[in-house]
Amino acid sequence: MAWKTLRRWMNHLDDRGELLRIDRPVDVVYEAGAIADLLVKNDGPAILFEQPRLADGTISSIPLLMNAFGGHDRTLRALGASHETEVGDRMVAMMKPDIGLYMRKPWKGLPLLRDALAMPPKKVRKGKGQRVRLPN
């Protein structure tokens, strides 16, 4: 299962105990990167800084998520794949379909058609990101 929103992915990581939450202010210029680097190198959990301190010293109201896709297992789960070559295999199948097979057995092409239709970006008039208003 691939996740449609980052919030759902974070909730999944949190439920599995793979999300470390830091509720104290952390400097994004020096501390956050160093902490995330140590976690990535040691195959550690994803980390959510709930009060990131910006370069000007203010605390951001937007949390900072790092190492969300760190490690092979987590990346595969995020992509909804069971093995490392699955995503690439799907893309190759879409680029070089077996036309002869699909002419003889058109129903075999339905999964390929479903994947192809899900791939291009969808244009919407009002996106969810446009609804968020940050305080000045």
N, C-alpha and C. Protein backbone atom coordinates (compact mmCIF):
# COMPACT_ATOMS: atom_id res chain seq x y z
N MET A 1 0.84 -1.18 0.00
CA MET A 1 0.00 0.00 0.00
C MET A 1 0.89 1.24 0.00
N ALA A 2 0.67 2.11 -0.97
CA ALA A 2 1.40 3.38 -1.01
C ALA A 2 0.54 4.43 -0.30
N TRP A 3 1.18 5.36 0.35
CA TRP A 3 0.47 6.37 1.12
C TRP A 3 0.26 7.61 0.28
N LYS A 4 -0.96 8.17 0.36
CA LYS A 4 -1.30 9.34 -0.46
C LYS A 4 -0.88 10.64 0.19
N THR A 5 -0.74 10.66 1.50
CA THR A 5 -0.35 11.90 2.18
C THR A 5 0.80 11.61 3.14
N LEU A 6 1.57 12.64 3.39
CA LEU A 6 2.69 12.51 4.32
C LEU A 6 2.19 12.26 5.74
N ARG A 7 1.05 12.84 6.08
CA ARG A 7 0.49 12.63 7.43
C ARG A 7 0.16 11.16 7.66
N ARG A 8 -0.43 10.50 6.66
CA ARG A 8 -0.74 9.07 6.80
C ARG A 8 0.53 8.24 6.96
N TRP A 9 1.56 8.61 6.21
CA TRP A 9 2.84 7.90 6.31
C TRP A 9 3.44 8.10 7.70
N MET A 10 3.36 9.33 8.22
CA MET A 10 3.87 9.60 9.57
C MET A 10 3.10 8.81 10.61
N ASN A 11 1.78 8.75 10.47
CA ASN A 11 0.97 7.97 11.42
C ASN A 11 1.35 6.48 11.36
N HIS A 12 1.60 5.98 10.17
CA HIS A 12 2.03 4.58 10.02
C HIS A 12 3.36 4.36 10.74
N LEU A 13 4.31 5.26 10.53
CA LEU A 13 5.61 5.14 11.20
C LEU A 13 5.45 5.22 12.71
N ASP A 14 4.60 6.13 13.17
CA ASP A 14 4.37 6.31 14.60
C ASP A 14 3.75 5.05 15.21
N ASP A 15 2.78 4.45 14.52
CA ASP A 15 2.13 3.23 15.01
C ASP A 15 3.12 2.07 15.12
N ARG A 16 4.10 2.02 14.23
CA ARG A 16 5.09 0.94 14.23
C ARG A 16 6.28 1.26 15.13
N GLY A 17 6.28 2.42 15.77
CA GLY A 17 7.39 2.79 16.64
C GLY A 17 8.63 3.23 15.88
N GLU A 18 8.44 3.68 14.64
CA GLU A 18 9.56 4.09 13.80
C GLU A 18 9.64 5.61 13.65
N LEU A 19 8.98 6.34 14.53
CA LEU A 19 9.01 7.80 14.47
C LEU A 19 9.42 8.31 15.85
N LEU A 20 10.51 9.05 15.87
CA LEU A 20 11.00 9.66 17.10
C LEU A 20 10.56 11.11 17.10
N ARG A 21 9.84 11.52 18.15
CA ARG A 21 9.35 12.90 18.24
C ARG A 21 10.22 13.68 19.22
N ILE A 22 10.67 14.84 18.79
CA ILE A 22 11.45 15.75 19.64
C ILE A 22 10.59 16.99 19.86
N ASP A 23 10.16 17.21 21.11
CA ASP A 23 9.27 18.34 21.38
C ASP A 23 10.00 19.58 21.88
N ARG A 24 11.31 19.53 21.99
CA ARG A 24 12.10 20.70 22.41
C ARG A 24 12.61 21.44 21.18
N PRO A 25 12.88 22.73 21.31
CA PRO A 25 13.43 23.47 20.16
C PRO A 25 14.79 22.92 19.72
N VAL A 26 14.93 22.74 18.41
CA VAL A 26 16.16 22.22 17.82
C VAL A 26 16.54 23.14 16.66
N ASP A 27 17.80 23.55 16.64
CA ASP A 27 18.29 24.44 15.60
C ASP A 27 18.35 23.70 14.26
N VAL A 28 17.67 24.25 13.23
CA VAL A 28 17.64 23.56 11.94
C VAL A 28 18.94 23.69 11.17
N VAL A 29 19.73 24.71 11.48
CA VAL A 29 20.97 24.92 10.74
C VAL A 29 22.04 23.92 11.16
N TYR A 30 22.22 23.70 12.45
CA TYR A 30 23.31 22.85 12.92
C TYR A 30 22.84 21.53 13.52
N GLU A 31 21.89 21.56 14.42
CA GLU A 31 21.53 20.37 15.19
C GLU A 31 20.69 19.36 14.42
N ALA A 32 19.65 19.81 13.73
CA ALA A 32 18.72 18.89 13.08
C ALA A 32 19.43 18.01 12.05
N GLY A 33 20.27 18.61 11.23
CA GLY A 33 20.99 17.83 10.22
C GLY A 33 21.94 16.82 10.83
N ALA A 34 22.62 17.21 11.90
CA ALA A 34 23.57 16.29 12.55
C ALA A 34 22.83 15.11 13.20
N ILE A 35 21.70 15.40 13.83
CA ILE A 35 20.92 14.33 14.47
C ILE A 35 20.39 13.37 13.40
N ALA A 36 19.82 13.93 12.33
CA ALA A 36 19.27 13.09 11.26
C ALA A 36 20.38 12.27 10.59
N ASP A 37 21.56 12.86 10.43
CA ASP A 37 22.69 12.15 9.82
C ASP A 37 23.07 10.93 10.65
N LEU A 38 23.13 11.09 11.96
CA LEU A 38 23.45 9.96 12.84
C LEU A 38 22.39 8.86 12.74
N LEU A 39 21.13 9.27 12.68
CA LEU A 39 20.05 8.29 12.60
C LEU A 39 20.09 7.53 11.27
N VAL A 40 20.35 8.24 10.18
CA VAL A 40 20.41 7.59 8.87
C VAL A 40 21.56 6.59 8.83
N LYS A 41 22.72 6.99 9.33
CA LYS A 41 23.89 6.11 9.29
C LYS A 41 23.75 4.88 10.17
N ASN A 42 22.89 4.95 11.18
CA ASN A 42 22.68 3.82 12.09
C ASN A 42 21.35 3.13 11.87
N ASP A 43 20.73 3.38 10.68
CA ASP A 43 19.44 2.78 10.34
C ASP A 43 18.40 3.06 11.43
N GLY A 44 18.39 4.30 11.89
CA GLY A 44 17.49 4.70 12.96
C GLY A 44 16.11 5.09 12.46
N PRO A 45 15.25 5.51 13.38
CA PRO A 45 13.88 5.86 13.01
C PRO A 45 13.80 7.21 12.31
N ALA A 46 12.63 7.48 11.76
CA ALA A 46 12.35 8.82 11.24
C ALA A 46 12.27 9.75 12.45
N ILE A 47 12.50 11.02 12.22
CA ILE A 47 12.50 11.96 13.35
C ILE A 47 11.65 13.17 13.00
N LEU A 48 10.83 13.58 13.96
CA LEU A 48 9.97 14.74 13.78
C LEU A 48 10.35 15.78 14.82
N PHE A 49 10.88 16.90 14.34
CA PHE A 49 11.20 18.02 15.22
C PHE A 49 9.95 18.89 15.28
N GLU A 50 9.28 18.90 16.43
CA GLU A 50 8.01 19.61 16.55
C GLU A 50 8.19 21.11 16.73
N GLN A 51 9.36 21.55 17.18
CA GLN A 51 9.62 22.98 17.36
C GLN A 51 10.97 23.33 16.72
N PRO A 52 11.06 23.32 15.40
CA PRO A 52 12.34 23.66 14.78
C PRO A 52 12.67 25.14 14.95
N ARG A 53 13.90 25.43 15.37
CA ARG A 53 14.35 26.82 15.53
C ARG A 53 15.02 27.24 14.22
N LEU A 54 14.49 28.27 13.60
CA LEU A 54 14.99 28.76 12.32
C LEU A 54 16.30 29.52 12.50
N ALA A 55 16.92 29.89 11.39
CA ALA A 55 18.21 30.58 11.42
C ALA A 55 18.13 31.92 12.15
N ASP A 56 16.97 32.57 12.10
CA ASP A 56 16.83 33.87 12.78
C ASP A 56 16.47 33.72 14.26
N GLY A 57 16.38 32.49 14.75
CA GLY A 57 16.12 32.25 16.17
C GLY A 57 14.67 32.03 16.52
N THR A 58 13.75 32.24 15.59
CA THR A 58 12.33 32.04 15.87
C THR A 58 11.99 30.55 15.76
N ILE A 59 10.94 30.17 16.48
CA ILE A 59 10.46 28.79 16.44
C ILE A 59 9.39 28.70 15.36
N SER A 60 9.58 27.78 14.44
CA SER A 60 8.63 27.61 13.35
C SER A 60 7.40 26.86 13.84
N SER A 61 6.24 27.24 13.31
CA SER A 61 5.01 26.52 13.66
C SER A 61 4.85 25.26 12.80
N ILE A 62 5.71 25.12 11.80
CA ILE A 62 5.66 23.95 10.92
C ILE A 62 6.71 22.95 11.37
N PRO A 63 6.31 21.74 11.75
CA PRO A 63 7.28 20.74 12.19
C PRO A 63 8.18 20.29 11.04
N LEU A 64 9.34 19.75 11.39
CA LEU A 64 10.32 19.29 10.41
C LEU A 64 10.47 17.78 10.53
N LEU A 65 10.18 17.06 9.45
CA LEU A 65 10.30 15.61 9.41
C LEU A 65 11.55 15.24 8.62
N MET A 66 12.39 14.40 9.20
CA MET A 66 13.62 13.96 8.52
C MET A 66 13.74 12.44 8.63
N ASN A 67 14.45 11.85 7.66
CA ASN A 67 14.70 10.41 7.62
C ASN A 67 13.41 9.60 7.48
N ALA A 68 12.40 10.19 6.84
CA ALA A 68 11.12 9.51 6.70
C ALA A 68 11.20 8.29 5.80
N PHE A 69 12.11 8.30 4.84
CA PHE A 69 12.23 7.19 3.90
C PHE A 69 13.59 6.50 4.03
N GLY A 70 14.24 6.65 5.18
CA GLY A 70 15.56 6.07 5.39
C GLY A 70 15.50 4.56 5.48
N GLY A 71 16.43 3.90 4.85
CA GLY A 71 16.50 2.44 4.88
C GLY A 71 15.68 1.82 3.75
N HIS A 72 16.11 0.64 3.30
CA HIS A 72 15.45 -0.03 2.18
C HIS A 72 14.02 -0.43 2.52
N ASP A 73 13.81 -0.99 3.70
CA ASP A 73 12.49 -1.47 4.09
C ASP A 73 11.47 -0.33 4.11
N ARG A 74 11.85 0.79 4.71
CA ARG A 74 10.95 1.93 4.80
C ARG A 74 10.64 2.52 3.43
N THR A 75 11.65 2.58 2.57
CA THR A 75 11.45 3.11 1.22
C THR A 75 10.51 2.22 0.43
N LEU A 76 10.69 0.91 0.52
CA LEU A 76 9.81 -0.02 -0.18
C LEU A 76 8.37 0.11 0.31
N ARG A 77 8.19 0.21 1.62
CA ARG A 77 6.83 0.37 2.16
C ARG A 77 6.20 1.67 1.69
N ALA A 78 6.98 2.74 1.64
CA ALA A 78 6.45 4.03 1.20
C ALA A 78 6.00 3.98 -0.25
N LEU A 79 6.71 3.22 -1.07
CA LEU A 79 6.37 3.10 -2.49
C LEU A 79 5.32 2.03 -2.76
N GLY A 80 4.99 1.26 -1.73
CA GLY A 80 4.01 0.19 -1.91
C GLY A 80 4.58 -0.98 -2.69
N ALA A 81 5.88 -1.21 -2.57
CA ALA A 81 6.55 -2.28 -3.31
C ALA A 81 6.98 -3.38 -2.35
N SER A 82 7.08 -4.61 -2.87
CA SER A 82 7.48 -5.73 -2.03
C SER A 82 8.97 -6.07 -2.19
N HIS A 83 9.56 -5.69 -3.33
CA HIS A 83 10.99 -5.90 -3.52
C HIS A 83 11.58 -4.73 -4.28
N GLU A 84 12.90 -4.64 -4.31
CA GLU A 84 13.59 -3.46 -4.80
C GLU A 84 13.34 -3.15 -6.27
N THR A 85 13.12 -4.14 -7.10
CA THR A 85 12.97 -3.89 -8.53
C THR A 85 11.52 -3.75 -8.97
N GLU A 86 10.58 -3.86 -8.05
CA GLU A 86 9.17 -3.86 -8.43
C GLU A 86 8.74 -2.56 -9.12
N VAL A 87 9.13 -1.42 -8.58
CA VAL A 87 8.74 -0.14 -9.17
C VAL A 87 9.35 0.00 -10.56
N GLY A 88 10.63 -0.34 -10.69
CA GLY A 88 11.28 -0.28 -12.00
C GLY A 88 10.66 -1.25 -12.99
N ASP A 89 10.30 -2.44 -12.52
CA ASP A 89 9.66 -3.42 -13.41
C ASP A 89 8.32 -2.90 -13.92
N ARG A 90 7.56 -2.23 -13.06
CA ARG A 90 6.28 -1.66 -13.49
C ARG A 90 6.49 -0.59 -14.56
N MET A 91 7.51 0.25 -14.36
CA MET A 91 7.77 1.31 -15.33
C MET A 91 8.23 0.73 -16.66
N VAL A 92 9.08 -0.30 -16.64
CA VAL A 92 9.52 -0.94 -17.87
C VAL A 92 8.33 -1.57 -18.59
N ALA A 93 7.43 -2.21 -17.85
CA ALA A 93 6.25 -2.83 -18.46
C ALA A 93 5.37 -1.79 -19.14
N MET A 94 5.31 -0.57 -18.58
CA MET A 94 4.51 0.48 -19.21
C MET A 94 5.20 1.04 -20.45
N MET A 95 6.53 1.09 -20.43
CA MET A 95 7.26 1.65 -21.57
C MET A 95 7.35 0.65 -22.73
N LYS A 96 7.42 -0.64 -22.43
CA LYS A 96 7.56 -1.67 -23.46
C LYS A 96 6.50 -2.75 -23.27
N PRO A 97 5.23 -2.43 -23.53
CA PRO A 97 4.19 -3.44 -23.32
C PRO A 97 4.25 -4.55 -24.37
N ASP A 98 3.78 -5.72 -23.99
CA ASP A 98 3.70 -6.87 -24.90
C ASP A 98 2.39 -6.75 -25.68
N ILE A 99 2.45 -6.07 -26.82
CA ILE A 99 1.24 -5.77 -27.59
C ILE A 99 0.55 -7.05 -28.05
N GLY A 100 1.33 -8.05 -28.46
CA GLY A 100 0.74 -9.31 -28.92
C GLY A 100 -0.11 -9.97 -27.84
N LEU A 101 0.40 -9.99 -26.62
CA LEU A 101 -0.35 -10.59 -25.51
C LEU A 101 -1.64 -9.83 -25.26
N TYR A 102 -1.56 -8.51 -25.27
CA TYR A 102 -2.74 -7.70 -24.96
C TYR A 102 -3.77 -7.72 -26.09
N MET A 103 -3.33 -8.02 -27.32
CA MET A 103 -4.29 -8.16 -28.42
C MET A 103 -5.06 -9.48 -28.28
N ARG A 104 -4.34 -10.54 -27.86
CA ARG A 104 -5.00 -11.84 -27.70
C ARG A 104 -5.83 -11.90 -26.43
N LYS A 105 -5.31 -11.31 -25.35
CA LYS A 105 -5.99 -11.35 -24.05
C LYS A 105 -6.03 -9.93 -23.49
N PRO A 106 -7.00 -9.12 -23.93
CA PRO A 106 -7.03 -7.70 -23.52
C PRO A 106 -7.16 -7.50 -22.01
N TRP A 107 -7.79 -8.42 -21.30
CA TRP A 107 -7.95 -8.27 -19.85
C TRP A 107 -6.62 -8.32 -19.11
N LYS A 108 -5.60 -8.90 -19.73
CA LYS A 108 -4.27 -8.93 -19.11
C LYS A 108 -3.64 -7.54 -19.04
N GLY A 109 -4.13 -6.63 -19.88
CA GLY A 109 -3.57 -5.28 -19.91
C GLY A 109 -4.23 -4.33 -18.93
N LEU A 110 -5.26 -4.76 -18.22
CA LEU A 110 -5.96 -3.86 -17.29
C LEU A 110 -5.06 -3.36 -16.15
N PRO A 111 -4.24 -4.21 -15.52
CA PRO A 111 -3.34 -3.67 -14.48
C PRO A 111 -2.36 -2.63 -15.03
N LEU A 112 -1.88 -2.86 -16.25
CA LEU A 112 -0.97 -1.91 -16.88
C LEU A 112 -1.69 -0.59 -17.14
N LEU A 113 -2.92 -0.66 -17.62
CA LEU A 113 -3.70 0.54 -17.87
C LEU A 113 -3.97 1.29 -16.57
N ARG A 114 -4.30 0.57 -15.50
CA ARG A 114 -4.54 1.19 -14.20
C ARG A 114 -3.29 1.93 -13.71
N ASP A 115 -2.14 1.30 -13.82
CA ASP A 115 -0.89 1.95 -13.40
C ASP A 115 -0.58 3.17 -14.25
N ALA A 116 -0.82 3.07 -15.56
CA ALA A 116 -0.53 4.19 -16.45
C ALA A 116 -1.45 5.38 -16.16
N LEU A 117 -2.71 5.13 -15.85
CA LEU A 117 -3.64 6.22 -15.56
C LEU A 117 -3.35 6.87 -14.22
N ALA A 118 -2.79 6.12 -13.29
CA ALA A 118 -2.49 6.67 -11.96
C ALA A 118 -1.21 7.49 -11.95
N MET A 119 -0.38 7.36 -12.98
CA MET A 119 0.94 7.97 -12.96
C MET A 119 0.96 9.48 -13.25
N PRO A 120 0.24 9.99 -14.26
CA PRO A 120 0.40 11.42 -14.56
C PRO A 120 -0.18 12.30 -13.45
N PRO A 121 0.34 13.51 -13.30
CA PRO A 121 -0.21 14.40 -12.27
C PRO A 121 -1.63 14.81 -12.62
N LYS A 122 -2.41 15.03 -11.59
CA LYS A 122 -3.79 15.45 -11.77
C LYS A 122 -3.89 16.95 -11.53
N LYS A 123 -4.53 17.65 -12.43
CA LYS A 123 -4.70 19.09 -12.27
C LYS A 123 -6.00 19.35 -11.52
N VAL A 124 -5.91 20.15 -10.47
CA VAL A 124 -7.08 20.52 -9.69
C VAL A 124 -7.16 22.03 -9.61
N ARG A 125 -8.37 22.53 -9.45
CA ARG A 125 -8.55 23.98 -9.40
C ARG A 125 -8.06 24.55 -8.08
N LYS A 126 -8.41 23.90 -6.98
CA LYS A 126 -8.00 24.35 -5.64
C LYS A 126 -7.34 23.19 -4.93
N GLY A 127 -6.05 23.29 -4.70
CA GLY A 127 -5.32 22.23 -4.01
C GLY A 127 -5.41 22.38 -2.50
N LYS A 128 -5.16 21.29 -1.79
CA LYS A 128 -5.22 21.32 -0.32
C LYS A 128 -4.20 22.29 0.25
N GLY A 129 -3.05 22.41 -0.41
CA GLY A 129 -2.02 23.32 0.07
C GLY A 129 -2.44 24.78 0.01
N GLN A 130 -3.39 25.10 -0.85
CA GLN A 130 -3.86 26.48 -0.96
C GLN A 130 -4.81 26.84 0.17
N ARG A 131 -5.30 25.86 0.91
CA ARG A 131 -6.23 26.14 2.01
C ARG A 131 -5.51 26.53 3.29
N VAL A 132 -4.24 26.21 3.38
CA VAL A 132 -3.48 26.48 4.59
C VAL A 132 -3.02 27.92 4.59
N ARG A 133 -3.31 28.62 5.66
CA ARG A 133 -2.86 30.01 5.80
C ARG A 133 -1.97 30.11 7.02
N LEU A 134 -0.76 30.55 6.81
CA LEU A 134 0.18 30.70 7.91
C LEU A 134 0.03 32.09 8.52
N PRO A 135 0.15 32.19 9.85
CA PRO A 135 0.07 33.52 10.47
C PRO A 135 1.31 34.34 10.12
N ASN A 136 1.11 35.64 9.99
CA ASN A 136 2.24 36.54 9.65
C ASN A 136 3.14 36.75 10.83
